[in-house]
Amino acid sequence: MTQLCAYLSYNGNCAEAMAFYAKVLDAKVEALITYAQMPGGDPVPPEHADRIMHAHLVHPDFALMAGDTPPGVPFEGIKGAMLALTYPGADEARRIFAALAEGGSVQMPLGETFWAEAFGMVTDRFGTPWGINGGPKEMAKA
């Protein structure tokens, strides 16, 4: 089965971000490998050894992968994309939106739209943009 999984890039705070997402999204961090733990890899600068080379977060309905930028690669943040989550009900969407907004910035407050009882856009404190949907509405087929 083909799967598509977002791979997020961070600047030294990947482990903290994955722990936060696991808690907020009721998911589990299944892998958290530092650059120092990379088998057969080239040595990394000491200040980079504890940064995350690969993280894998798993939820029953989705997965995320992530890592801190490699040594020598400039961190440019996440641009031109957002992660979209859809919940069956608006209450769960409100809870998730509030948790992600804490310490982050809201681009579009959570409110009713023509496609959902609740939708909003937020960039969390780690710089990850999210679109949160709750209570999808029936839409005309194309």
N, C-alpha and C. Protein backbone atom coordinates (compact mmCIF):
# COMPACT_ATOMS: atom_id res chain seq x y z
N MET A 1 0.84 -1.17 0.00
CA MET A 1 0.00 0.00 0.00
C MET A 1 0.89 1.25 0.00
N THR A 2 0.63 2.16 -0.89
CA THR A 2 1.36 3.41 -0.94
C THR A 2 0.90 4.34 0.16
N GLN A 3 1.85 5.00 0.80
CA GLN A 3 1.53 5.95 1.86
C GLN A 3 2.28 7.25 1.61
N LEU A 4 1.67 8.35 1.98
CA LEU A 4 2.30 9.66 1.93
C LEU A 4 2.44 10.14 3.36
N CYS A 5 3.64 10.58 3.72
CA CYS A 5 3.90 11.01 5.09
C CYS A 5 4.69 12.31 5.04
N ALA A 6 4.24 13.30 5.78
CA ALA A 6 4.98 14.56 5.87
C ALA A 6 6.28 14.33 6.63
N TYR A 7 7.36 14.98 6.17
CA TYR A 7 8.65 14.95 6.86
C TYR A 7 8.97 16.39 7.22
N LEU A 8 8.97 16.69 8.51
CA LEU A 8 9.14 18.05 8.99
C LEU A 8 10.58 18.31 9.38
N SER A 9 11.02 19.54 9.17
CA SER A 9 12.39 19.93 9.48
C SER A 9 12.39 20.94 10.63
N TYR A 10 13.34 20.75 11.56
CA TYR A 10 13.45 21.62 12.72
C TYR A 10 14.89 22.09 12.90
N ASN A 11 15.08 23.04 13.77
CA ASN A 11 16.38 23.65 14.00
C ASN A 11 16.86 23.39 15.43
N GLY A 12 16.96 22.11 15.77
CA GLY A 12 17.44 21.77 17.11
C GLY A 12 16.36 21.50 18.13
N ASN A 13 15.09 21.61 17.75
CA ASN A 13 14.01 21.37 18.71
C ASN A 13 13.06 20.26 18.24
N CYS A 14 13.55 19.37 17.39
CA CYS A 14 12.72 18.28 16.87
C CYS A 14 12.21 17.37 17.99
N ALA A 15 13.07 16.98 18.92
CA ALA A 15 12.65 16.08 20.00
C ALA A 15 11.53 16.70 20.83
N GLU A 16 11.66 17.97 21.13
CA GLU A 16 10.64 18.68 21.90
C GLU A 16 9.32 18.76 21.11
N ALA A 17 9.42 19.05 19.83
CA ALA A 17 8.23 19.14 18.98
C ALA A 17 7.51 17.79 18.90
N MET A 18 8.25 16.71 18.70
CA MET A 18 7.63 15.38 18.60
C MET A 18 6.97 14.97 19.91
N ALA A 19 7.59 15.28 21.04
CA ALA A 19 6.98 14.97 22.34
C ALA A 19 5.68 15.76 22.51
N PHE A 20 5.68 17.02 22.10
CA PHE A 20 4.49 17.87 22.18
C PHE A 20 3.38 17.31 21.28
N TYR A 21 3.71 16.97 20.04
CA TYR A 21 2.69 16.43 19.12
C TYR A 21 2.15 15.10 19.62
N ALA A 22 3.00 14.26 20.19
CA ALA A 22 2.54 12.98 20.73
C ALA A 22 1.49 13.21 21.81
N LYS A 23 1.75 14.16 22.68
CA LYS A 23 0.82 14.46 23.77
C LYS A 23 -0.48 15.07 23.24
N VAL A 24 -0.38 16.10 22.43
CA VAL A 24 -1.56 16.82 21.94
C VAL A 24 -2.41 15.96 21.01
N LEU A 25 -1.76 15.19 20.14
CA LEU A 25 -2.49 14.43 19.12
C LEU A 25 -2.77 12.99 19.54
N ASP A 26 -2.44 12.62 20.76
CA ASP A 26 -2.64 11.27 21.26
C ASP A 26 -1.95 10.26 20.34
N ALA A 27 -0.67 10.52 20.08
CA ALA A 27 0.14 9.68 19.20
C ALA A 27 1.33 9.15 19.99
N LYS A 28 2.19 8.39 19.33
CA LYS A 28 3.33 7.79 20.00
C LYS A 28 4.60 8.04 19.16
N VAL A 29 5.65 8.48 19.82
CA VAL A 29 6.94 8.62 19.15
C VAL A 29 7.58 7.24 19.11
N GLU A 30 7.71 6.67 17.92
CA GLU A 30 8.25 5.31 17.78
C GLU A 30 9.74 5.30 17.50
N ALA A 31 10.28 6.42 17.00
CA ALA A 31 11.72 6.50 16.76
C ALA A 31 12.18 7.91 17.05
N LEU A 32 13.34 8.02 17.67
CA LEU A 32 13.97 9.31 17.96
C LEU A 32 15.47 9.03 17.95
N ILE A 33 16.09 9.17 16.79
CA ILE A 33 17.49 8.81 16.59
C ILE A 33 18.32 10.08 16.43
N THR A 34 19.35 10.22 17.25
CA THR A 34 20.21 11.40 17.15
C THR A 34 21.27 11.18 16.06
N TYR A 35 21.91 12.27 15.67
CA TYR A 35 23.00 12.16 14.70
C TYR A 35 24.13 11.31 15.25
N ALA A 36 24.40 11.37 16.56
CA ALA A 36 25.45 10.56 17.17
C ALA A 36 25.12 9.07 17.12
N GLN A 37 23.83 8.71 17.07
CA GLN A 37 23.40 7.31 17.04
C GLN A 37 23.32 6.75 15.63
N MET A 38 23.55 7.56 14.62
CA MET A 38 23.41 7.14 13.24
C MET A 38 24.44 6.05 12.93
N PRO A 39 23.98 4.85 12.57
CA PRO A 39 24.93 3.76 12.31
C PRO A 39 25.75 4.02 11.04
N GLY A 40 27.05 3.85 11.16
CA GLY A 40 27.93 3.98 10.00
C GLY A 40 28.01 5.37 9.41
N GLY A 41 27.50 6.34 10.11
CA GLY A 41 27.49 7.70 9.57
C GLY A 41 28.80 8.42 9.81
N ASP A 42 28.97 9.49 9.09
CA ASP A 42 30.14 10.33 9.31
C ASP A 42 30.02 11.01 10.66
N PRO A 43 31.17 11.27 11.29
CA PRO A 43 31.11 12.00 12.56
C PRO A 43 30.47 13.38 12.37
N VAL A 44 29.75 13.83 13.36
CA VAL A 44 29.10 15.14 13.30
C VAL A 44 29.77 16.06 14.31
N PRO A 45 29.67 17.37 14.10
CA PRO A 45 30.22 18.28 15.10
C PRO A 45 29.59 18.00 16.47
N PRO A 46 30.36 18.13 17.55
CA PRO A 46 29.85 17.83 18.89
C PRO A 46 28.55 18.57 19.22
N GLU A 47 28.41 19.80 18.76
CA GLU A 47 27.19 20.57 19.06
C GLU A 47 25.97 20.04 18.31
N HIS A 48 26.17 19.14 17.37
CA HIS A 48 25.07 18.58 16.60
C HIS A 48 24.73 17.14 17.01
N ALA A 49 25.59 16.52 17.81
CA ALA A 49 25.45 15.10 18.13
C ALA A 49 24.10 14.74 18.75
N ASP A 50 23.55 15.61 19.60
CA ASP A 50 22.29 15.31 20.28
C ASP A 50 21.05 15.76 19.51
N ARG A 51 21.25 16.37 18.37
CA ARG A 51 20.11 16.75 17.54
C ARG A 51 19.52 15.50 16.89
N ILE A 52 18.27 15.60 16.48
CA ILE A 52 17.56 14.44 15.93
C ILE A 52 17.80 14.30 14.43
N MET A 53 18.32 13.12 14.06
CA MET A 53 18.51 12.78 12.65
C MET A 53 17.20 12.26 12.06
N HIS A 54 16.44 11.50 12.86
CA HIS A 54 15.17 10.94 12.38
C HIS A 54 14.22 10.70 13.55
N ALA A 55 12.99 11.17 13.38
CA ALA A 55 11.92 10.90 14.34
C ALA A 55 10.72 10.36 13.57
N HIS A 56 9.99 9.47 14.21
CA HIS A 56 8.79 8.89 13.60
C HIS A 56 7.68 8.89 14.65
N LEU A 57 6.64 9.64 14.37
CA LEU A 57 5.48 9.74 15.26
C LEU A 57 4.32 9.01 14.60
N VAL A 58 3.65 8.14 15.35
CA VAL A 58 2.58 7.32 14.78
C VAL A 58 1.29 7.51 15.56
N HIS A 59 0.23 7.69 14.81
CA HIS A 59 -1.15 7.79 15.30
C HIS A 59 -1.93 6.72 14.54
N PRO A 60 -3.02 6.20 15.07
CA PRO A 60 -3.77 5.18 14.31
C PRO A 60 -4.20 5.65 12.91
N ASP A 61 -4.36 6.97 12.71
CA ASP A 61 -4.84 7.47 11.43
C ASP A 61 -3.79 8.15 10.55
N PHE A 62 -2.58 8.39 11.08
CA PHE A 62 -1.55 9.07 10.30
C PHE A 62 -0.19 8.88 10.95
N ALA A 63 0.82 9.32 10.25
CA ALA A 63 2.18 9.31 10.79
C ALA A 63 2.89 10.59 10.35
N LEU A 64 3.85 11.01 11.14
CA LEU A 64 4.72 12.13 10.80
C LEU A 64 6.16 11.67 10.98
N MET A 65 7.03 12.16 10.12
CA MET A 65 8.46 11.96 10.30
C MET A 65 9.08 13.34 10.40
N ALA A 66 10.25 13.40 11.05
CA ALA A 66 10.88 14.70 11.25
C ALA A 66 12.35 14.53 11.59
N GLY A 67 13.06 15.64 11.53
CA GLY A 67 14.45 15.66 11.94
C GLY A 67 14.94 17.09 12.04
N ASP A 68 16.04 17.27 12.77
CA ASP A 68 16.71 18.56 12.80
C ASP A 68 17.57 18.67 11.54
N THR A 69 17.74 19.87 11.02
CA THR A 69 18.54 20.03 9.81
C THR A 69 19.95 19.48 10.05
N PRO A 70 20.51 18.84 9.03
CA PRO A 70 21.86 18.29 9.16
C PRO A 70 22.91 19.39 9.32
N PRO A 71 24.08 19.03 9.85
CA PRO A 71 25.16 20.01 9.98
C PRO A 71 25.48 20.64 8.62
N GLY A 72 25.65 21.94 8.61
CA GLY A 72 26.01 22.65 7.38
C GLY A 72 24.85 23.01 6.49
N VAL A 73 23.64 22.55 6.82
CA VAL A 73 22.46 22.87 6.02
C VAL A 73 21.69 23.98 6.73
N PRO A 74 21.48 25.12 6.05
CA PRO A 74 20.76 26.21 6.72
C PRO A 74 19.30 25.83 6.97
N PHE A 75 18.80 26.23 8.12
CA PHE A 75 17.40 25.99 8.45
C PHE A 75 16.56 27.12 7.89
N GLU A 76 15.57 26.77 7.08
CA GLU A 76 14.72 27.78 6.46
C GLU A 76 13.28 27.69 6.91
N GLY A 77 12.98 26.78 7.82
CA GLY A 77 11.61 26.64 8.30
C GLY A 77 10.73 25.90 7.31
N ILE A 78 9.48 25.76 7.66
CA ILE A 78 8.50 25.09 6.81
C ILE A 78 7.78 26.16 6.02
N LYS A 79 7.88 26.10 4.70
CA LYS A 79 7.29 27.14 3.85
C LYS A 79 6.42 26.50 2.77
N GLY A 80 5.32 27.15 2.46
CA GLY A 80 4.50 26.72 1.34
C GLY A 80 3.66 25.48 1.57
N ALA A 81 3.51 25.07 2.81
CA ALA A 81 2.70 23.89 3.11
C ALA A 81 2.16 24.01 4.53
N MET A 82 1.08 23.27 4.80
CA MET A 82 0.60 23.14 6.17
C MET A 82 0.06 21.74 6.34
N LEU A 83 0.03 21.29 7.58
CA LEU A 83 -0.55 20.00 7.90
C LEU A 83 -2.02 20.22 8.20
N ALA A 84 -2.89 19.44 7.57
CA ALA A 84 -4.33 19.58 7.77
C ALA A 84 -4.85 18.37 8.53
N LEU A 85 -5.56 18.64 9.61
CA LEU A 85 -6.21 17.59 10.40
C LEU A 85 -7.71 17.81 10.36
N THR A 86 -8.46 16.73 10.22
CA THR A 86 -9.92 16.81 10.23
C THR A 86 -10.46 15.87 11.29
N TYR A 87 -11.30 16.41 12.17
CA TYR A 87 -11.92 15.64 13.24
C TYR A 87 -13.41 15.53 12.97
N PRO A 88 -14.03 14.43 13.40
CA PRO A 88 -15.46 14.25 13.18
C PRO A 88 -16.31 15.35 13.81
N GLY A 89 -15.86 15.85 14.97
CA GLY A 89 -16.63 16.88 15.67
C GLY A 89 -15.84 18.15 15.91
N ALA A 90 -16.56 19.24 16.06
CA ALA A 90 -15.95 20.55 16.26
C ALA A 90 -15.27 20.66 17.63
N ASP A 91 -15.77 19.97 18.66
CA ASP A 91 -15.18 20.07 20.00
C ASP A 91 -13.73 19.59 20.01
N GLU A 92 -13.45 18.46 19.36
CA GLU A 92 -12.07 17.96 19.31
C GLU A 92 -11.19 18.91 18.50
N ALA A 93 -11.72 19.47 17.43
CA ALA A 93 -10.97 20.45 16.64
C ALA A 93 -10.62 21.67 17.49
N ARG A 94 -11.56 22.12 18.30
CA ARG A 94 -11.30 23.28 19.18
C ARG A 94 -10.19 22.97 20.20
N ARG A 95 -10.21 21.78 20.77
CA ARG A 95 -9.20 21.38 21.75
C ARG A 95 -7.81 21.35 21.11
N ILE A 96 -7.71 20.72 19.95
CA ILE A 96 -6.43 20.61 19.26
C ILE A 96 -5.93 21.98 18.82
N PHE A 97 -6.82 22.80 18.26
CA PHE A 97 -6.45 24.13 17.81
C PHE A 97 -5.89 24.96 18.97
N ALA A 98 -6.57 24.92 20.11
CA ALA A 98 -6.13 25.68 21.29
C ALA A 98 -4.75 25.22 21.76
N ALA A 99 -4.51 23.92 21.76
CA ALA A 99 -3.22 23.39 22.19
C ALA A 99 -2.11 23.81 21.23
N LEU A 100 -2.36 23.74 19.94
CA LEU A 100 -1.36 24.13 18.95
C LEU A 100 -1.12 25.64 18.95
N ALA A 101 -2.13 26.41 19.27
CA ALA A 101 -2.01 27.87 19.27
C ALA A 101 -1.23 28.39 20.47
N GLU A 102 -1.16 27.60 21.54
CA GLU A 102 -0.46 28.05 22.75
C GLU A 102 1.02 28.27 22.44
N GLY A 103 1.44 29.52 22.53
CA GLY A 103 2.82 29.87 22.22
C GLY A 103 3.11 30.03 20.74
N GLY A 104 2.08 29.83 19.91
CA GLY A 104 2.23 29.97 18.46
C GLY A 104 1.53 31.21 17.96
N SER A 105 1.14 31.21 16.69
CA SER A 105 0.44 32.36 16.13
C SER A 105 -0.74 31.89 15.27
N VAL A 106 -1.85 32.55 15.47
CA VAL A 106 -3.08 32.20 14.75
C VAL A 106 -3.16 33.04 13.47
N GLN A 107 -3.27 32.38 12.33
CA GLN A 107 -3.45 33.07 11.06
C GLN A 107 -4.93 33.27 10.75
N MET A 108 -5.75 32.30 11.14
CA MET A 108 -7.20 32.37 10.93
C MET A 108 -7.86 31.76 12.15
N PRO A 109 -8.58 32.56 12.93
CA PRO A 109 -9.24 32.01 14.12
C PRO A 109 -10.21 30.89 13.74
N LEU A 110 -10.40 29.98 14.66
CA LEU A 110 -11.32 28.87 14.44
C LEU A 110 -12.74 29.41 14.32
N GLY A 111 -13.41 29.04 13.25
CA GLY A 111 -14.78 29.48 13.04
C GLY A 111 -15.48 28.60 12.03
N GLU A 112 -16.77 28.83 11.88
CA GLU A 112 -17.57 28.03 10.95
C GLU A 112 -17.27 28.44 9.52
N THR A 113 -17.24 27.44 8.64
CA THR A 113 -17.05 27.67 7.20
C THR A 113 -18.13 26.91 6.44
N PHE A 114 -18.12 27.03 5.15
CA PHE A 114 -19.10 26.28 4.36
C PHE A 114 -18.78 24.79 4.30
N TRP A 115 -17.52 24.39 4.64
CA TRP A 115 -17.16 22.97 4.59
C TRP A 115 -17.05 22.31 5.96
N ALA A 116 -17.06 23.11 7.05
CA ALA A 116 -16.90 22.52 8.38
C ALA A 116 -17.54 23.40 9.44
N GLU A 117 -17.97 22.76 10.52
CA GLU A 117 -18.47 23.51 11.68
C GLU A 117 -17.37 24.37 12.28
N ALA A 118 -16.12 23.91 12.16
CA ALA A 118 -14.99 24.66 12.70
C ALA A 118 -13.77 24.47 11.80
N PHE A 119 -13.12 25.57 11.47
CA PHE A 119 -11.86 25.54 10.74
C PHE A 119 -11.02 26.73 11.16
N GLY A 120 -9.72 26.49 11.32
CA GLY A 120 -8.80 27.58 11.64
C GLY A 120 -7.39 27.20 11.21
N MET A 121 -6.54 28.22 11.07
CA MET A 121 -5.14 28.01 10.70
C MET A 121 -4.24 28.60 11.77
N VAL A 122 -3.25 27.84 12.17
CA VAL A 122 -2.34 28.23 13.24
C VAL A 122 -0.94 27.73 12.92
N THR A 123 0.05 28.50 13.31
CA THR A 123 1.44 28.03 13.27
C THR A 123 1.86 27.83 14.72
N ASP A 124 2.24 26.60 15.05
CA ASP A 124 2.56 26.31 16.45
C ASP A 124 3.90 26.92 16.86
N ARG A 125 4.26 26.76 18.11
CA ARG A 125 5.48 27.38 18.65
C ARG A 125 6.76 26.80 18.05
N PHE A 126 6.65 25.71 17.30
CA PHE A 126 7.81 25.11 16.65
C PHE A 126 7.92 25.55 15.18
N GLY A 127 6.96 26.36 14.73
CA GLY A 127 6.99 26.85 13.35
C GLY A 127 6.25 25.97 12.35
N THR A 128 5.50 24.99 12.85
CA THR A 128 4.75 24.11 11.95
C THR A 128 3.36 24.68 11.72
N PRO A 129 2.99 24.92 10.44
CA PRO A 129 1.65 25.43 10.14
C PRO A 129 0.62 24.30 10.09
N TRP A 130 -0.55 24.57 10.65
CA TRP A 130 -1.63 23.58 10.73
C TRP A 130 -2.93 24.20 10.24
N GLY A 131 -3.77 23.39 9.60
CA GLY A 131 -5.15 23.72 9.30
C GLY A 131 -6.00 22.70 10.04
N ILE A 132 -6.84 23.17 10.95
CA ILE A 132 -7.64 22.27 11.79
C ILE A 132 -9.11 22.36 11.39
N ASN A 133 -9.68 21.22 11.03
CA ASN A 133 -11.07 21.10 10.64
C ASN A 133 -11.83 20.27 11.68
N GLY A 134 -13.07 20.61 11.93
CA GLY A 134 -13.89 19.80 12.81
C GLY A 134 -15.35 19.86 12.38
N GLY A 135 -16.00 18.71 12.39
CA GLY A 135 -17.42 18.65 12.00
C GLY A 135 -17.59 18.95 10.52
N PRO A 136 -17.04 18.11 9.64
CA PRO A 136 -17.18 18.35 8.20
C PRO A 136 -18.64 18.42 7.79
N LYS A 137 -18.93 19.31 6.83
CA LYS A 137 -20.28 19.45 6.29
C LYS A 137 -20.34 18.75 4.93
N GLU A 138 -21.52 18.32 4.58
CA GLU A 138 -21.76 17.71 3.27
C GLU A 138 -21.54 18.75 2.19
N MET A 139 -20.75 18.39 1.20
CA MET A 139 -20.46 19.32 0.10
C MET A 139 -20.91 18.70 -1.21
N ALA A 140 -21.27 19.55 -2.15
CA ALA A 140 -21.66 19.08 -3.48
C ALA A 140 -20.48 18.39 -4.16
N LYS A 141 -20.76 17.33 -4.87
CA LYS A 141 -19.73 16.59 -5.61
C LYS A 141 -19.39 17.34 -6.89
N ALA A 142 -18.14 17.27 -7.28
CA ALA A 142 -17.68 17.95 -8.51
C ALA A 142 -18.17 17.23 -9.74
